[in-house]
Protein backbone atom coordinates (compact mmCIF):
# COMPACT_ATOMS: atom_id res chain seq x y z
CA MET A 1 11.04 18.32 6.09
CA LYS A 2 13.35 15.46 7.09
CA THR A 3 12.52 11.94 6.10
CA VAL A 4 13.66 8.56 7.32
CA VAL A 5 14.56 6.17 4.53
CA LEU A 6 15.51 2.51 4.39
CA CYS A 7 16.63 1.16 1.05
CA LEU A 8 18.29 -2.23 1.45
CA ARG A 9 19.26 -5.09 -0.77
CA PHE A 10 18.92 -8.34 1.14
CA ALA A 11 21.62 -10.55 -0.33
CA VAL A 12 21.62 -13.60 1.96
CA TYR A 13 18.24 -14.13 3.55
CA ALA A 14 14.98 -13.50 1.84
CA LEU A 15 11.37 -12.65 2.34
CA VAL A 16 9.29 -14.87 0.19
CA THR A 17 5.70 -15.46 -0.69
CA GLY A 18 3.95 -18.72 -1.38
CA ILE A 19 0.68 -20.40 -2.26
CA VAL A 20 -2.03 -17.87 -2.90
CA LEU A 21 -5.66 -17.95 -2.02
CA CYS A 22 -8.36 -15.69 -3.51
CA GLY A 23 -7.41 -16.80 -7.01
CA CYS A 24 -4.18 -14.86 -6.62
CA GLY A 25 -1.72 -17.70 -6.97
CA SER A 26 -1.63 -18.29 -10.71
CA LYS A 27 1.81 -18.22 -12.28
CA LYS A 28 0.82 -16.37 -15.43
CA ALA A 29 3.23 -14.06 -17.16
CA GLY A 30 3.69 -10.61 -15.71
CA ILE A 31 4.52 -8.99 -12.41
CA SER A 32 2.28 -9.49 -9.39
CA LEU A 33 1.82 -6.53 -7.06
CA VAL A 34 0.09 -6.61 -3.68
CA SER A 35 -0.85 -3.44 -1.78
CA TRP A 36 -2.13 -3.67 1.78
CA ASN A 37 -2.88 -1.25 4.59
CA VAL A 38 -1.93 -3.46 7.55
CA GLN A 39 -3.59 -1.24 10.20
CA ASN A 40 -1.29 0.48 12.68
CA PHE A 41 1.60 -1.99 12.69
CA PHE A 42 3.60 -0.81 15.71
CA ASP A 43 6.56 -2.54 17.32
CA ALA A 44 6.75 -3.47 21.00
CA GLU A 45 8.83 -0.45 22.04
CA THR A 46 7.15 2.68 23.41
CA ALA A 47 8.33 5.83 21.65
CA GLY A 48 5.46 7.97 22.91
CA THR A 49 4.17 8.68 19.41
CA GLU A 50 2.03 5.56 19.08
CA TYR A 51 -1.75 5.83 18.92
CA HIS A 52 -3.28 5.83 22.40
CA GLU A 53 -4.52 2.23 22.31
CA PHE A 54 -0.92 1.04 21.80
CA ARG A 55 0.63 2.80 24.82
CA GLY A 56 -0.01 3.53 28.46
CA SER A 57 -0.83 1.39 31.47
CA ALA A 58 -4.33 0.62 30.19
CA SER A 59 -3.10 -0.72 26.85
CA ARG A 60 -3.03 -4.45 26.21
CA TRP A 61 -0.34 -4.04 23.55
CA ASN A 62 2.85 -5.91 24.47
CA ARG A 63 5.77 -7.91 23.09
CA GLU A 64 3.77 -11.14 22.86
CA ARG A 65 1.02 -9.52 20.78
CA TYR A 66 3.58 -7.87 18.53
CA GLU A 67 5.28 -11.22 17.89
CA THR A 68 1.90 -12.78 17.11
CA ARG A 69 1.10 -10.00 14.63
CA LEU A 70 4.47 -10.54 12.94
CA ASP A 71 3.72 -14.26 12.55
CA ARG A 72 0.30 -13.51 11.06
CA LEU A 73 1.68 -10.96 8.61
CA ALA A 74 4.48 -13.26 7.49
CA GLU A 75 1.97 -16.05 6.91
CA SER A 76 -0.26 -13.67 4.94
CA ILE A 77 2.56 -12.40 2.74
CA ASP A 78 3.48 -16.02 2.07
CA LEU A 79 -0.09 -16.74 0.98
CA LEU A 80 -0.49 -13.57 -1.10
CA ASP A 81 2.56 -14.42 -3.22
CA GLY A 82 3.27 -11.01 -4.73
CA ASP A 83 6.48 -10.20 -6.58
CA ILE A 84 6.20 -6.77 -4.98
CA ILE A 85 4.52 -6.17 -1.60
CA VAL A 86 3.58 -2.60 -0.62
CA LEU A 87 2.54 -2.14 3.02
CA GLN A 88 0.96 0.96 4.50
CA GLU A 89 0.96 1.85 8.23
CA ILE A 90 4.36 0.40 9.19
CA GLU A 91 5.81 2.22 12.20
CA ASN A 92 9.54 2.16 11.46
CA ARG A 93 12.61 0.41 10.04
CA ALA A 94 12.74 -1.99 12.99
CA VAL A 95 9.32 -3.38 12.05
CA MET A 96 10.51 -3.85 8.46
CA GLN A 97 13.52 -5.77 9.70
CA ASP A 98 11.36 -7.94 11.96
CA ILE A 99 9.02 -8.77 9.09
CA TYR A 100 12.03 -9.69 6.96
CA ASN A 101 13.41 -11.94 9.71
CA ARG A 102 10.08 -13.75 10.03
CA LEU A 103 9.85 -14.31 6.30
CA SER A 104 13.45 -15.48 6.02
CA ARG A 105 12.63 -18.38 8.34
CA ARG A 106 9.83 -19.67 6.10
CA LEU A 107 10.79 -18.93 2.50
CA TYR A 108 13.79 -19.75 0.38
CA GLY A 109 15.09 -19.89 -3.16
CA GLN A 110 13.72 -17.82 -6.01
CA ARG A 111 10.74 -16.75 -3.94
CA ARG A 112 12.93 -14.54 -1.76
CA TYR A 113 12.44 -10.82 -1.37
CA ARG A 114 15.96 -9.52 -1.85
CA TYR A 115 15.06 -5.83 -1.89
CA ALA A 116 13.28 -3.52 0.51
CA SER A 117 12.54 0.15 0.99
CA PHE A 118 10.91 2.19 3.76
CA GLY A 119 9.85 5.82 3.82
CA LYS A 120 8.50 7.98 6.62
CA GLU A 121 8.42 11.66 7.46
CA ALA A 122 10.23 12.63 10.64
CA ASP A 123 7.08 13.85 12.40
CA ALA A 124 4.83 11.04 11.17
CA VAL A 125 3.67 8.08 13.26
CA ILE A 126 3.62 5.54 10.44
CA GLY A 127 5.18 5.10 7.00
CA ILE A 128 5.23 2.88 3.90
CA GLY A 129 7.31 -0.25 3.39
CA ILE A 130 8.08 -2.22 0.23
CA PHE A 131 9.48 -5.72 -0.23
CA SER A 132 10.41 -6.91 -3.71
CA ARG A 133 11.86 -9.88 -5.55
CA ILE A 134 12.64 -7.54 -8.44
CA PRO A 135 15.56 -5.10 -8.14
CA LEU A 136 14.74 -1.67 -6.72
CA THR A 137 17.35 0.50 -8.41
CA ALA A 138 16.51 3.98 -7.13
CA MET A 139 14.19 5.66 -4.65
CA ARG A 140 12.97 9.20 -4.06
CA LEU A 141 10.63 10.57 -1.43
CA HIS A 142 8.30 13.49 -2.13
CA THR A 143 6.13 15.38 0.30
CA ALA A 144 3.24 17.80 -0.02
CA VAL A 145 4.15 21.37 0.89
CA ASN A 146 1.61 24.15 1.08
CA TYR A 147 2.53 27.82 0.92
CA THR A 148 -0.81 29.31 2.00
CA GLY A 149 0.01 29.18 5.70
CA ALA A 150 -2.40 26.33 6.42
CA MET A 151 -1.32 24.18 9.36
CA ARG A 152 0.29 21.05 7.96
CA PRO A 153 -0.61 17.74 9.65
CA PRO A 154 1.83 14.80 9.65
CA LEU A 155 1.62 13.12 6.25
CA ARG A 156 3.06 10.04 4.60
CA PRO A 157 5.48 10.73 1.75
CA LEU A 158 5.03 9.72 -1.86
CA MET A 159 7.55 6.94 -2.50
CA GLU A 160 8.92 6.84 -6.04
CA ILE A 161 10.79 3.60 -6.80
CA GLU A 162 12.49 2.60 -10.04
CA ILE A 163 12.06 -1.13 -10.68
CA SER A 164 14.21 -3.08 -13.15
CA ALA A 165 12.21 -6.10 -14.31
CA ASP A 166 13.34 -8.57 -16.97
CA SER A 167 10.72 -7.14 -19.31
CA GLY A 168 11.79 -3.52 -18.77
CA VAL A 169 12.04 -0.67 -16.31
CA PHE A 170 9.03 1.01 -14.73
CA THR A 171 8.33 3.37 -11.85
CA LEU A 172 6.29 2.44 -8.80
CA PHE A 173 4.62 5.20 -6.80
CA ALA A 174 3.46 4.09 -3.32
CA CYS A 175 0.94 6.34 -1.59
CA HIS A 176 -0.96 6.72 1.64
CA TRP A 177 -2.98 9.90 1.52
CA LYS A 178 -4.35 11.98 4.36
CA SER A 179 -6.94 10.10 6.40
CA LEU A 180 -10.48 11.34 6.99
CA SER A 181 -9.67 12.35 10.58
CA GLY A 182 -9.69 16.07 11.34
CA GLY A 183 -12.73 16.82 9.20
CA THR A 184 -13.63 16.60 5.53
CA ALA A 185 -12.32 20.04 4.58
CA VAL A 186 -8.87 19.43 6.06
CA SER A 187 -8.62 15.94 4.58
CA GLU A 188 -9.66 17.04 1.10
CA PHE A 189 -7.27 20.00 1.16
CA TRP A 190 -4.22 17.86 1.93
CA GLN A 191 -5.32 15.05 -0.35
CA ARG A 192 -5.38 17.58 -3.20
CA GLU A 193 -1.85 18.65 -2.29
CA GLN A 194 -0.69 15.03 -2.29
CA GLU A 195 -2.47 14.43 -5.60
CA ALA A 196 -0.68 17.39 -7.16
CA VAL A 197 2.72 16.02 -6.12
CA LEU A 198 1.83 12.66 -7.66
CA ALA A 199 0.54 14.20 -10.90
CA ARG A 200 3.75 16.19 -11.39
CA ARG A 201 5.94 13.12 -10.85
CA LEU A 202 3.77 10.91 -13.08
CA SER A 203 4.26 13.29 -15.97
CA CYS A 204 7.97 12.32 -15.95
CA SER A 205 7.37 8.55 -16.30
CA SER A 206 6.90 6.52 -19.47
CA ALA A 207 5.66 3.45 -17.57
CA ALA A 208 4.28 3.82 -14.06
CA VAL A 209 2.16 2.04 -11.47
CA VAL A 210 0.55 3.89 -8.56
CA CYS A 211 -0.76 1.96 -5.57
CA GLY A 212 -1.76 2.46 -1.96
CA ASP A 213 -4.49 3.66 0.34
CA PHE A 214 -5.90 6.91 -1.06
CA ASN A 215 -8.63 7.41 1.56
CA ARG A 216 -10.76 8.38 -1.42
CA ASP A 217 -13.14 6.13 -3.34
CA ALA A 218 -11.99 5.07 -6.81
CA SER A 219 -15.09 6.61 -8.38
CA LEU A 220 -13.89 10.10 -7.41
CA PHE A 221 -10.97 9.85 -9.85
CA LEU A 222 -13.15 9.00 -12.86
CA VAL A 223 -13.02 10.98 -16.11
CA PRO A 224 -16.22 11.37 -18.17
CA GLU A 225 -16.17 9.00 -21.13
CA ASN A 226 -16.19 11.83 -23.69
CA LEU A 227 -12.95 13.25 -22.19
CA ARG A 228 -10.96 10.02 -21.96
CA GLU A 229 -7.67 9.59 -23.80
CA GLY A 230 -6.40 6.16 -24.79
CA ARG A 231 -6.88 3.66 -21.97
CA GLY A 232 -7.29 6.39 -19.37
CA ASN A 233 -10.45 6.27 -17.28
CA SER A 234 -9.26 8.26 -14.25
CA VAL A 235 -7.20 11.36 -13.57
CA PHE A 236 -4.73 12.87 -11.12
CA LYS A 237 -4.78 16.65 -11.08
CA ALA A 238 -2.18 19.29 -10.31
CA ASN A 239 -2.88 23.01 -10.27
CA SER A 240 -2.26 23.65 -13.94
CA TYR A 241 -2.60 20.25 -15.61
CA SER A 242 -3.75 16.67 -15.18
CA VAL A 243 -2.53 13.16 -15.97
CA GLN A 244 -4.92 10.47 -17.15
CA VAL A 245 -4.40 6.97 -15.75
CA TYR A 246 -6.15 3.62 -15.85
CA ASN A 247 -7.88 2.22 -12.73
CA PRO A 248 -9.19 -1.37 -12.95
CA TRP A 249 -11.72 -0.77 -10.14
CA CYS A 250 -13.75 1.22 -12.66
CA ASP A 251 -13.46 -1.07 -15.67
CA GLY A 252 -15.68 -3.97 -14.67
CA ILE A 253 -12.86 -6.53 -14.26
CA CYS A 254 -13.28 -6.60 -10.48
CA THR A 255 -16.39 -8.18 -8.95
CA VAL A 256 -15.53 -7.53 -5.29
CA PRO A 257 -17.39 -4.40 -4.08
CA GLY A 258 -14.58 -2.85 -2.04
CA SER A 259 -11.45 -3.22 0.06
CA TYR A 260 -12.35 -1.25 3.20
CA TRP A 261 -15.50 -1.95 5.22
CA PHE A 262 -16.57 1.14 7.15
CA GLN A 263 -19.89 1.86 8.84
CA ASN A 264 -21.50 -1.12 7.08
CA GLU A 265 -20.45 0.13 3.67
CA TRP A 266 -17.72 -0.85 1.24
CA LYS A 267 -15.14 1.74 0.22
CA ARG A 268 -12.72 1.40 -2.71
CA PHE A 269 -9.87 3.26 -1.01
CA ASP A 270 -7.11 0.78 -1.90
CA SER A 271 -6.30 1.22 -5.57
CA VAL A 272 -3.83 0.43 -8.31
CA PHE A 273 -3.47 2.84 -11.23
CA SER A 274 -1.29 2.52 -14.33
CA ALA A 275 0.07 4.97 -16.89
CA GLY A 276 2.07 4.57 -20.07
CA ASP A 277 3.57 1.28 -21.19
CA ILE A 278 2.35 -0.95 -18.37
CA ILE A 279 -1.06 -2.62 -18.23
CA PRO A 280 -2.96 -4.34 -15.37
CA ILE A 281 -4.41 -7.61 -16.67
CA GLU A 282 -5.84 -8.79 -13.33
CA PHE A 283 -7.04 -6.91 -10.26
CA THR A 284 -8.93 -7.98 -7.16
CA PRO A 285 -9.16 -7.51 -3.43
CA CYS A 286 -8.18 -10.85 -1.88
CA VAL A 287 -11.27 -12.25 -0.21
CA GLN A 288 -9.98 -15.70 0.77
CA GLY A 289 -7.47 -16.04 3.57
CA PRO A 290 -7.07 -15.61 7.31
CA TRP A 291 -7.40 -11.83 6.94
CA ILE A 292 -11.17 -12.08 6.30
CA ARG A 293 -14.16 -13.03 8.43
CA MET A 294 -17.69 -14.00 7.56
CA THR A 295 -20.55 -11.82 8.81
CA GLU A 296 -24.23 -11.33 8.03
CA ASN A 297 -22.99 -8.86 5.40
CA GLY A 298 -20.74 -11.48 3.82
CA VAL A 299 -16.95 -11.36 3.73
CA VAL A 300 -15.36 -8.34 5.45
CA PRO A 301 -11.80 -7.58 6.64
CA PHE A 302 -10.79 -9.21 9.93
CA CYS A 303 -9.84 -6.01 11.77
CA TYR A 304 -7.04 -6.09 14.30
CA SER A 305 -8.14 -5.53 17.91
CA VAL A 306 -5.58 -4.47 20.52
CA TYR A 307 -8.11 -5.37 23.22
CA SER A 308 -8.51 -9.03 22.18
CA GLY A 309 -5.29 -9.51 20.21
CA SER A 310 -7.30 -11.01 17.33
CA GLY A 311 -7.45 -10.06 13.68
CA TYR A 312 -5.26 -8.75 10.88
CA SER A 313 -6.34 -5.43 9.37
CA ASP A 314 -9.36 -3.27 8.64
CA HIS A 315 -8.42 -3.34 4.94
CA LEU A 316 -8.29 -6.21 2.47
CA PRO A 317 -5.08 -6.66 0.50
CA VAL A 318 -5.51 -5.86 -3.19
CA ARG A 319 -3.61 -7.72 -5.88
CA CYS A 320 -2.80 -6.78 -9.45
CA ARG A 321 -0.91 -8.51 -12.27
CA LEU A 322 0.97 -6.18 -14.62
CA ILE A 323 2.37 -6.54 -18.14
CA LEU A 324 5.00 -4.21 -19.61
CA ASN A 325 4.45 -3.41 -23.30
């Protein structure tokens, strides 16, 4: 399976983040990580692979709306102020470059993002992009392969990035698992395959962070208390073994009920997990900022609408602060 990869070091211009809302802007020690599914972030060119609402004569998607979305995303990244920004549902390298160009016009100095990486399977519509102030020193892409003969849908790869922070080296795994489209049985089958790939790679890391949109509620990873080891409260499983990890969603440090609002119910699909010598000391979905709207149900994500051109994403960004032991 071919993949398309962008791994750049931006040496002159920089993507930078700024003042943070949602209590996310404190300058405490540690590394701040933001993960956000930005909801079908397509460019203004028609490749024919876009989702139907973004192409065709009836679509309202155009260059002007794309430019507006870029401005909104750059503003949001500025506000979220993460040392590392992981974005799901980016169409291609051109979108990554356009986001970088927008950010380079607003942000300077030490707040620059000098490093970036993008991964996408050749037959996939969307991929995963990463911007970082901290050096990205190596990247690998992994994909789920099944040998039972089951028809394989387009999937997003597992991105494995080595990050060299001042406090030490750790591995970041960025995920976007199979969506719930196509039926529960199909989704669960391929999610298990993606989980197995992740579990095998995690077993090779002494300090690792896993983040992304798992399309599976955080509670479904929980380990019974009598089977927990160390700080582990959750598990990723492969066929023959499992790896225990820590998920702050399930440890009472987060008071926000979810990150994805679907059918009038919160889902905890957007997660951050840690394993080994790295510890999350803060975790929260960001519930203050232009990406939210107030409803009779309280704060919910301000979904993007191609029809009206309004909104940001159907997911909230989630933010975590990490300490290396």
